Amino acid sequence: MTRSRTNRTYWAAGTGVVLAALFAAGATFATADGSSAPDGSSSARTPALYSPDAGFARDMAVHHQQAVEMSFIVRDRTQDEPVRGLAYDIANTQANQRGMLLGWLDLWGLPKVVADEPPMSWMSMDASGEHAGHEAHEGHAAKPGALMPGMATKEELDRLGAAGGRDAEVLYLQLMTDHHKGGVAMAEGCARQCRTPAERALAQGMVEAQQSELKLMADMLRQRGAAPRE
């Protein structure tokens, strides 16, 4: 792959992410308050405290915050233009999406943190916040020391902050690959279970954009003689 083709690929992936976020942002004003749905029907009531809608908003806001943090770290640890460009796209997009998720919680009059709510518990809830009798997140457990699936541990963040050059690029791409895989599983859960149309649209956009970035990061790792972690 030539450098110009590679840069076009990076630009296309980043543009797709931004367009997905803008689409969901536009839908927010029409549907996040439950007033109307894209098909003209009445949407669900304000989400309950432990509903998938509220749980996803709280958990994904935390999940996104770490992606932003890792992206700022690698920006200062390498001069590689493609990695810095990818990190910028991820930080910008996920910071914007995080703001949307927290804004919905404010709109719904719900807290951003619930002390007795285990991470990911919303994936086994129905729209009213009652247990649905299944474990939708089975097989996507967080690793020891990580809060949610795909998230890096404190030790891994420390390693990233201490690395430089190619080592920082490879570690960032590996950590972000894991992060995206966990994020895709969470977003797929919301796309299935959430009842707020704008939030479902945002979640589906996350799935598509992050799957595209997973392919891009696999290519970038190969270019650096590395591969995603098992």
C-alpha atoms as a PDB file:
ATOM      1  CA  MET A   1       0.000   0.000   0.000  1.00  0.00           C
ATOM      2  CA  THR A   2       1.375   3.360  -0.994  1.00  0.00           C
ATOM      3  CA  ARG A   3       1.542   6.214   1.480  1.00  0.00           C
ATOM      4  CA  SER A   4      -1.077   8.237  -0.422  1.00  0.00           C
ATOM      5  CA  ARG A   5      -3.488   5.301  -0.459  1.00  0.00           C
ATOM      6  CA  THR A   6      -2.884   4.697   3.230  1.00  0.00           C
ATOM      7  CA  ASN A   7      -3.634   8.324   4.044  1.00  0.00           C
ATOM      8  CA  ARG A   8      -6.860   8.172   2.026  1.00  0.00           C
ATOM      9  CA  THR A   9      -7.864   5.086   4.003  1.00  0.00           C
ATOM     10  CA  TYR A  10      -7.220   6.890   7.297  1.00  0.00           C
ATOM     11  CA  TRP A  11      -9.213   9.892   6.075  1.00  0.00           C
ATOM     12  CA  ALA A  12     -12.165   7.741   4.966  1.00  0.00           C
ATOM     13  CA  ALA A  13     -12.322   5.843   8.241  1.00  0.00           C
ATOM     14  CA  GLY A  14     -12.158   9.028  10.270  1.00  0.00           C
ATOM     15  CA  THR A  15     -14.798  10.692   8.116  1.00  0.00           C
ATOM     16  CA  GLY A  16     -17.141   7.742   8.588  1.00  0.00           C
ATOM     17  CA  VAL A  17     -16.843   8.028  12.344  1.00  0.00           C
ATOM     18  CA  VAL A  18     -17.571  11.755  12.313  1.00  0.00           C
ATOM     19  CA  LEU A  19     -20.580  11.345  10.021  1.00  0.00           C
ATOM     20  CA  ALA A  20     -22.011   8.661  12.305  1.00  0.00           C
ATOM     21  CA  ALA A  21     -21.657  10.985  15.290  1.00  0.00           C
ATOM     22  CA  LEU A  22     -23.223  13.906  13.410  1.00  0.00           C
ATOM     23  CA  PHE A  23     -26.167  11.770  12.324  1.00  0.00           C
ATOM     24  CA  ALA A  24     -26.848  10.712  15.897  1.00  0.00           C
ATOM     25  CA  ALA A  25     -26.422  14.262  17.138  1.00  0.00           C
ATOM     26  CA  GLY A  26     -29.082  15.474  14.732  1.00  0.00           C
ATOM     27  CA  ALA A  27     -31.435  12.731  15.867  1.00  0.00           C
ATOM     28  CA  THR A  28     -30.921  13.683  19.500  1.00  0.00           C
ATOM     29  CA  PHE A  29     -33.091  16.790  19.339  1.00  0.00           C
ATOM     30  CA  ALA A  30     -36.003  14.901  17.819  1.00  0.00           C
ATOM     31  CA  THR A  31     -36.000  11.671  19.792  1.00  0.00           C
ATOM     32  CA  ALA A  32     -33.856  11.664  22.938  1.00  0.00           C
ATOM     33  CA  ASP A  33     -36.648  13.144  25.046  1.00  0.00           C
ATOM     34  CA  GLY A  34     -39.070  10.441  23.908  1.00  0.00           C
ATOM     35  CA  SER A  35     -41.291  12.871  22.017  1.00  0.00           C
ATOM     36  CA  SER A  36     -41.189  11.216  18.615  1.00  0.00           C
ATOM     37  CA  ALA A  37     -39.446   8.480  16.672  1.00  0.00           C
ATOM     38  CA  PRO A  38     -38.096   8.513  13.079  1.00  0.00           C
ATOM     39  CA  ASP A  39     -41.069   6.410  11.880  1.00  0.00           C
ATOM     40  CA  GLY A  40     -43.572   8.869  13.359  1.00  0.00           C
ATOM     41  CA  SER A  41     -44.622   6.577  16.209  1.00  0.00           C
ATOM     42  CA  SER A  42     -44.447   7.399  19.893  1.00  0.00           C
ATOM     43  CA  SER A  43     -41.204   6.265  21.466  1.00  0.00           C
ATOM     44  CA  ALA A  44     -40.711   4.826  24.938  1.00  0.00           C
ATOM     45  CA  ARG A  45     -40.992   6.817  28.123  1.00  0.00           C
ATOM     46  CA  THR A  46     -37.994   8.340  29.880  1.00  0.00           C
ATOM     47  CA  PRO A  47     -35.590   5.431  30.563  1.00  0.00           C
ATOM     48  CA  ALA A  48     -35.585   3.876  34.028  1.00  0.00           C
ATOM     49  CA  LEU A  49     -32.538   4.144  36.293  1.00  0.00           C
ATOM     50  CA  TYR A  50     -31.248   0.629  35.540  1.00  0.00           C
ATOM     51  CA  SER A  51     -32.527   0.368  31.963  1.00  0.00           C
ATOM     52  CA  PRO A  52     -30.214  -0.558  29.061  1.00  0.00           C
ATOM     53  CA  ASP A  53     -30.539   3.031  27.787  1.00  0.00           C
ATOM     54  CA  ALA A  54     -29.261   4.559  31.027  1.00  0.00           C
ATOM     55  CA  GLY A  55     -26.732   1.821  31.782  1.00  0.00           C
ATOM     56  CA  PHE A  56     -25.184   2.023  28.324  1.00  0.00           C
ATOM     57  CA  ALA A  57     -24.933   5.811  28.554  1.00  0.00           C
ATOM     58  CA  ARG A  58     -23.121   5.609  31.908  1.00  0.00           C
ATOM     59  CA  ASP A  59     -20.801   2.723  30.996  1.00  0.00           C
ATOM     60  CA  MET A  60     -19.923   3.893  27.495  1.00  0.00           C
ATOM     61  CA  ALA A  61     -19.138   7.381  28.793  1.00  0.00           C
ATOM     62  CA  VAL A  62     -16.520   5.823  31.092  1.00  0.00           C
ATOM     63  CA  HIS A  63     -15.283   3.487  28.336  1.00  0.00           C
ATOM     64  CA  HIS A  64     -14.896   6.394  25.905  1.00  0.00           C
ATOM     65  CA  GLN A  65     -13.045   8.505  28.455  1.00  0.00           C
ATOM     66  CA  GLN A  66     -10.223   5.974  28.594  1.00  0.00           C
ATOM     67  CA  ALA A  67      -9.958   5.896  24.795  1.00  0.00           C
ATOM     68  CA  VAL A  68      -9.554   9.671  24.828  1.00  0.00           C
ATOM     69  CA  GLU A  69      -6.901   9.391  27.547  1.00  0.00           C
ATOM     70  CA  MET A  70      -4.889   6.757  25.649  1.00  0.00           C
ATOM     71  CA  SER A  71      -5.076   8.789  22.453  1.00  0.00           C
ATOM     72  CA  PHE A  72      -3.668  11.879  24.149  1.00  0.00           C
ATOM     73  CA  ILE A  73      -0.888   9.776  25.672  1.00  0.00           C
ATOM     74  CA  VAL A  74       0.277   8.332  22.350  1.00  0.00           C
ATOM     75  CA  ARG A  75       0.082  11.723  20.666  1.00  0.00           C
ATOM     76  CA  ASP A  76       2.950  12.842  22.885  1.00  0.00           C
ATOM     77  CA  ARG A  77       4.919   9.580  22.588  1.00  0.00           C
ATOM     78  CA  THR A  78       5.387   9.382  18.806  1.00  0.00           C
ATOM     79  CA  GLN A  79       5.871  11.613  15.769  1.00  0.00           C
ATOM     80  CA  ASP A  80       4.308   9.040  13.412  1.00  0.00           C
ATOM     81  CA  GLU A  81       1.708  10.927  11.370  1.00  0.00           C
ATOM     82  CA  PRO A  82      -0.760   8.051  10.721  1.00  0.00           C
ATOM     83  CA  VAL A  83      -0.852   7.010  14.403  1.00  0.00           C
ATOM     84  CA  ARG A  84      -1.206  10.596  15.591  1.00  0.00           C
ATOM     85  CA  GLY A  85      -3.975  11.168  13.017  1.00  0.00           C
ATOM     86  CA  LEU A  86      -5.852   8.063  14.139  1.00  0.00           C
ATOM     87  CA  ALA A  87      -5.448   9.049  17.777  1.00  0.00           C
ATOM     88  CA  TYR A  88      -6.828  12.516  17.012  1.00  0.00           C
ATOM     89  CA  ASP A  89      -9.868  11.058  15.237  1.00  0.00           C
ATOM     90  CA  ILE A  90     -10.594   8.650  18.083  1.00  0.00           C
ATOM     91  CA  ALA A  91     -10.143  11.276  20.800  1.00  0.00           C
ATOM     92  CA  ASN A  92     -12.297  13.846  19.001  1.00  0.00           C
ATOM     93  CA  THR A  93     -15.087  11.445  18.075  1.00  0.00           C
ATOM     94  CA  GLN A  94     -15.312   9.649  21.401  1.00  0.00           C
ATOM     95  CA  ALA A  95     -15.160  12.880  23.404  1.00  0.00           C
ATOM     96  CA  ASN A  96     -18.112  14.182  21.361  1.00  0.00           C
ATOM     97  CA  GLN A  97     -20.051  10.943  21.761  1.00  0.00           C
ATOM     98  CA  ARG A  98     -19.335  10.933  25.491  1.00  0.00           C
ATOM     99  CA  GLY A  99     -20.823  14.401  25.737  1.00  0.00           C
ATOM    100  CA  MET A 100     -23.964  13.192  23.984  1.00  0.00           C
ATOM    101  CA  LEU A 101     -24.337  10.214  26.349  1.00  0.00           C
ATOM    102  CA  LEU A 102     -23.919  12.379  29.442  1.00  0.00           C
ATOM    103  CA  GLY A 103     -26.304  14.943  27.960  1.00  0.00           C
ATOM    104  CA  TRP A 104     -29.004  12.296  27.585  1.00  0.00           C
ATOM    105  CA  LEU A 105     -28.603  11.332  31.243  1.00  0.00           C
ATOM    106  CA  ASP A 106     -29.101  14.982  32.184  1.00  0.00           C
ATOM    107  CA  LEU A 107     -32.121  15.188  29.893  1.00  0.00           C
ATOM    108  CA  TRP A 108     -33.613  12.098  31.529  1.00  0.00           C
ATOM    109  CA  GLY A 109     -32.916  13.392  35.040  1.00  0.00           C
ATOM    110  CA  LEU A 110     -30.726  10.371  35.794  1.00  0.00           C
ATOM    111  CA  PRO A 111     -27.376  10.237  37.644  1.00  0.00           C
ATOM    112  CA  LYS A 112     -24.121   9.750  35.780  1.00  0.00           C
ATOM    113  CA  VAL A 113     -22.865   7.355  38.466  1.00  0.00           C
ATOM    114  CA  VAL A 114     -24.877   4.744  40.384  1.00  0.00           C
ATOM    115  CA  ALA A 115     -22.937   3.305  43.316  1.00  0.00           C
ATOM    116  CA  ASP A 116     -24.699  -0.080  43.432  1.00  0.00           C
ATOM    117  CA  GLU A 117     -24.685  -0.692  39.668  1.00  0.00           C
ATOM    118  CA  PRO A 118     -21.996  -3.185  38.554  1.00  0.00           C
ATOM    119  CA  PRO A 119     -20.469  -2.346  35.152  1.00  0.00           C
ATOM    120  CA  MET A 120     -22.294  -3.990  32.234  1.00  0.00           C
ATOM    121  CA  SER A 121     -25.242  -5.111  34.391  1.00  0.00           C
ATOM    122  CA  TRP A 122     -27.608  -3.282  32.003  1.00  0.00           C
ATOM    123  CA  MET A 123     -26.905  -5.915  29.354  1.00  0.00           C
ATOM    124  CA  SER A 124     -29.061  -8.387  31.303  1.00  0.00           C
ATOM    125  CA  MET A 125     -31.897  -5.863  31.904  1.00  0.00           C
ATOM    126  CA  ASP A 126     -35.066  -5.088  30.001  1.00  0.00           C
ATOM    127  CA  ALA A 127     -36.358  -1.578  29.234  1.00  0.00           C
ATOM    128  CA  SER A 128     -37.945  -1.214  32.691  1.00  0.00           C
ATOM    129  CA  GLY A 129     -34.701  -2.067  34.482  1.00  0.00           C
ATOM    130  CA  GLU A 130     -35.771  -5.597  35.428  1.00  0.00           C
ATOM    131  CA  HIS A 131     -33.598  -8.672  34.855  1.00  0.00           C
ATOM    132  CA  ALA A 132     -34.369 -10.121  31.454  1.00  0.00           C
ATOM    133  CA  GLY A 133     -33.206 -13.600  32.381  1.00  0.00           C
ATOM    134  CA  HIS A 134     -30.144 -13.787  30.153  1.00  0.00           C
ATOM    135  CA  GLU A 135     -26.533 -12.665  30.161  1.00  0.00           C
ATOM    136  CA  ALA A 136     -26.054 -10.768  26.909  1.00  0.00           C
ATOM    137  CA  HIS A 137     -22.494  -9.886  27.840  1.00  0.00           C
ATOM    138  CA  GLU A 138     -21.368 -13.454  28.499  1.00  0.00           C
ATOM    139  CA  GLY A 139     -18.058 -14.091  26.780  1.00  0.00           C
ATOM    140  CA  HIS A 140     -17.062 -10.425  27.029  1.00  0.00           C
ATOM    141  CA  ALA A 141     -15.805 -10.336  30.592  1.00  0.00           C
ATOM    142  CA  ALA A 142     -13.303  -7.701  31.682  1.00  0.00           C
ATOM    143  CA  LYS A 143      -9.756  -8.859  32.299  1.00  0.00           C
ATOM    144  CA  PRO A 144      -8.348  -8.646  35.845  1.00  0.00           C
ATOM    145  CA  GLY A 145      -7.608  -5.049  36.771  1.00  0.00           C
ATOM    146  CA  ALA A 146      -9.888  -3.575  34.088  1.00  0.00           C
ATOM    147  CA  LEU A 147     -13.271  -2.026  34.795  1.00  0.00           C
ATOM    148  CA  MET A 148     -15.041  -3.180  31.614  1.00  0.00           C
ATOM    149  CA  PRO A 149     -14.367  -5.384  28.571  1.00  0.00           C
ATOM    150  CA  GLY A 150     -11.570  -4.027  26.412  1.00  0.00           C
ATOM    151  CA  MET A 151     -10.430  -1.412  28.900  1.00  0.00           C
ATOM    152  CA  ALA A 152      -6.731  -1.157  29.744  1.00  0.00           C
ATOM    153  CA  THR A 153      -5.404  -1.635  33.254  1.00  0.00           C
ATOM    154  CA  LYS A 154      -3.476   1.026  35.154  1.00  0.00           C
ATOM    155  CA  GLU A 155      -0.270  -0.917  34.524  1.00  0.00           C
ATOM    156  CA  GLU A 156      -0.917  -0.933  30.774  1.00  0.00           C
ATOM    157  CA  LEU A 157      -1.575   2.807  30.775  1.00  0.00           C
ATOM    158  CA  ASP A 158       1.678   3.325  32.684  1.00  0.00           C
ATOM    159  CA  ARG A 159       3.525   1.235  30.086  1.00  0.00           C
ATOM    160  CA  LEU A 160       2.056   3.309  27.275  1.00  0.00           C
ATOM    161  CA  GLY A 161       3.088   6.517  28.998  1.00  0.00           C
ATOM    162  CA  ALA A 162       6.650   5.247  29.386  1.00  0.00           C
ATOM    163  CA  ALA A 163       7.033   3.926  25.822  1.00  0.00           C
ATOM    164  CA  GLY A 164       8.194   5.887  22.808  1.00  0.00           C
ATOM    165  CA  GLY A 165       8.398   5.656  19.026  1.00  0.00           C
ATOM    166  CA  ARG A 166       7.446   2.322  17.475  1.00  0.00           C
ATOM    167  CA  ASP A 167       6.956   0.675  20.877  1.00  0.00           C
ATOM    168  CA  ALA A 168       4.360   3.298  21.827  1.00  0.00           C
ATOM    169  CA  GLU A 169       2.658   3.002  18.426  1.00  0.00           C
ATOM    170  CA  VAL A 170       2.352  -0.788  18.636  1.00  0.00           C
ATOM    171  CA  LEU A 171       1.168  -0.798  22.240  1.00  0.00           C
ATOM    172  CA  TYR A 172      -1.406   1.924  21.532  1.00  0.00           C
ATOM    173  CA  LEU A 173      -2.749   0.057  18.501  1.00  0.00           C
ATOM    174  CA  GLN A 174      -2.949  -3.181  20.498  1.00  0.00           C
ATOM    175  CA  LEU A 175      -4.637  -1.540  23.488  1.00  0.00           C
ATOM    176  CA  MET A 176      -7.053   0.362  21.276  1.00  0.00           C
ATOM    177  CA  THR A 177      -7.871  -2.801  19.334  1.00  0.00           C
ATOM    178  CA  ASP A 178      -8.871  -4.488  22.593  1.00  0.00           C
ATOM    179  CA  HIS A 179     -10.750  -1.341  23.594  1.00  0.00           C
ATOM    180  CA  HIS A 180     -12.717  -1.220  20.341  1.00  0.00           C
ATOM    181  CA  LYS A 181     -13.632  -4.917  20.572  1.00  0.00           C
ATOM    182  CA  GLY A 182     -15.091  -4.333  24.018  1.00  0.00           C
ATOM    183  CA  GLY A 183     -16.810  -1.156  22.823  1.00  0.00           C
ATOM    184  CA  VAL A 184     -18.358  -2.915  19.815  1.00  0.00           C
ATOM    185  CA  ALA A 185     -19.828  -5.620  22.065  1.00  0.00           C
ATOM    186  CA  MET A 186     -21.336  -2.955  24.332  1.00  0.00           C
ATOM    187  CA  ALA A 187     -22.712  -0.925  21.418  1.00  0.00           C
ATOM    188  CA  GLU A 188     -24.227  -4.036  19.837  1.00  0.00           C
ATOM    189  CA  GLY A 189     -25.987  -4.644  23.171  1.00  0.00           C
ATOM    190  CA  CYS A 190     -27.506  -1.158  23.117  1.00  0.00           C
ATOM    191  CA  ALA A 191     -28.477  -1.481  19.448  1.00  0.00           C
ATOM    192  CA  ARG A 192     -30.483  -4.574  20.452  1.00  0.00           C
ATOM    193  CA  GLN A 193     -31.847  -3.474  23.818  1.00  0.00           C
ATOM    194  CA  CYS A 194     -32.033   0.315  24.081  1.00  0.00           C
ATOM    195  CA  ARG A 195     -35.437   1.896  23.455  1.00  0.00           C
ATOM    196  CA  THR A 196     -34.407   5.490  22.688  1.00  0.00           C
ATOM    197  CA  PRO A 197     -34.183   5.784  18.876  1.00  0.00           C
ATOM    198  CA  ALA A 198     -31.339   8.329  18.860  1.00  0.00           C
ATOM    199  CA  GLU A 199     -29.300   6.233  21.280  1.00  0.00           C
ATOM    200  CA  ARG A 200     -29.805   3.094  19.206  1.00  0.00           C
ATOM    201  CA  ALA A 201     -28.706   5.047  16.127  1.00  0.00           C
ATOM    202  CA  LEU A 202     -25.598   6.247  17.929  1.00  0.00           C
ATOM    203  CA  ALA A 203     -24.791   2.726  19.144  1.00  0.00           C
ATOM    204  CA  GLN A 204     -25.137   1.270  15.649  1.00  0.00           C
ATOM    205  CA  GLY A 205     -22.913   4.030  14.309  1.00  0.00           C
ATOM    206  CA  MET A 206     -20.313   3.126  16.940  1.00  0.00           C
ATOM    207  CA  VAL A 207     -20.408  -0.521  15.852  1.00  0.00           C
ATOM    208  CA  GLU A 208     -19.858   0.274  12.188  1.00  0.00           C
ATOM    209  CA  ALA A 209     -17.191   2.932  12.721  1.00  0.00           C
ATOM    210  CA  GLN A 210     -15.193   0.956  15.284  1.00  0.00           C
ATOM    211  CA  GLN A 211     -15.295  -2.202  13.178  1.00  0.00           C
ATOM    212  CA  SER A 212     -13.829  -0.134  10.323  1.00  0.00           C
ATOM    213  CA  GLU A 213     -11.122   1.184  12.643  1.00  0.00           C
ATOM    214  CA  LEU A 214     -10.348  -2.354  13.828  1.00  0.00           C
ATOM    215  CA  LYS A 215      -9.462  -3.303  10.245  1.00  0.00           C
ATOM    216  CA  LEU A 216      -7.400  -0.145   9.883  1.00  0.00           C
ATOM    217  CA  MET A 217      -5.487  -0.813  13.113  1.00  0.00           C
ATOM    218  CA  ALA A 218      -4.777  -4.412  12.058  1.00  0.00           C
ATOM    219  CA  ASP A 219      -3.193  -3.040   8.860  1.00  0.00           C
ATOM    220  CA  MET A 220      -1.180  -0.487  10.841  1.00  0.00           C
ATOM    221  CA  LEU A 221       0.097  -3.196  13.174  1.00  0.00           C
ATOM    222  CA  ARG A 222       1.153  -5.360  10.220  1.00  0.00           C
ATOM    223  CA  GLN A 223       3.045  -2.404   8.774  1.00  0.00           C
ATOM    224  CA  ARG A 224       4.980  -2.279  12.051  1.00  0.00           C
ATOM    225  CA  GLY A 225       5.702  -6.032  12.145  1.00  0.00           C
ATOM    226  CA  ALA A 226       3.194  -6.640  14.938  1.00  0.00           C
ATOM    227  CA  ALA A 227      -0.285  -8.048  15.439  1.00  0.00           C
ATOM    228  CA  PRO A 228      -3.284  -7.607  17.755  1.00  0.00           C
ATOM    229  CA  ARG A 229      -2.997  -9.347  21.104  1.00  0.00           C
ATOM    230  CA  GLU A 230      -4.840 -12.614  21.658  1.00  0.00           C
END
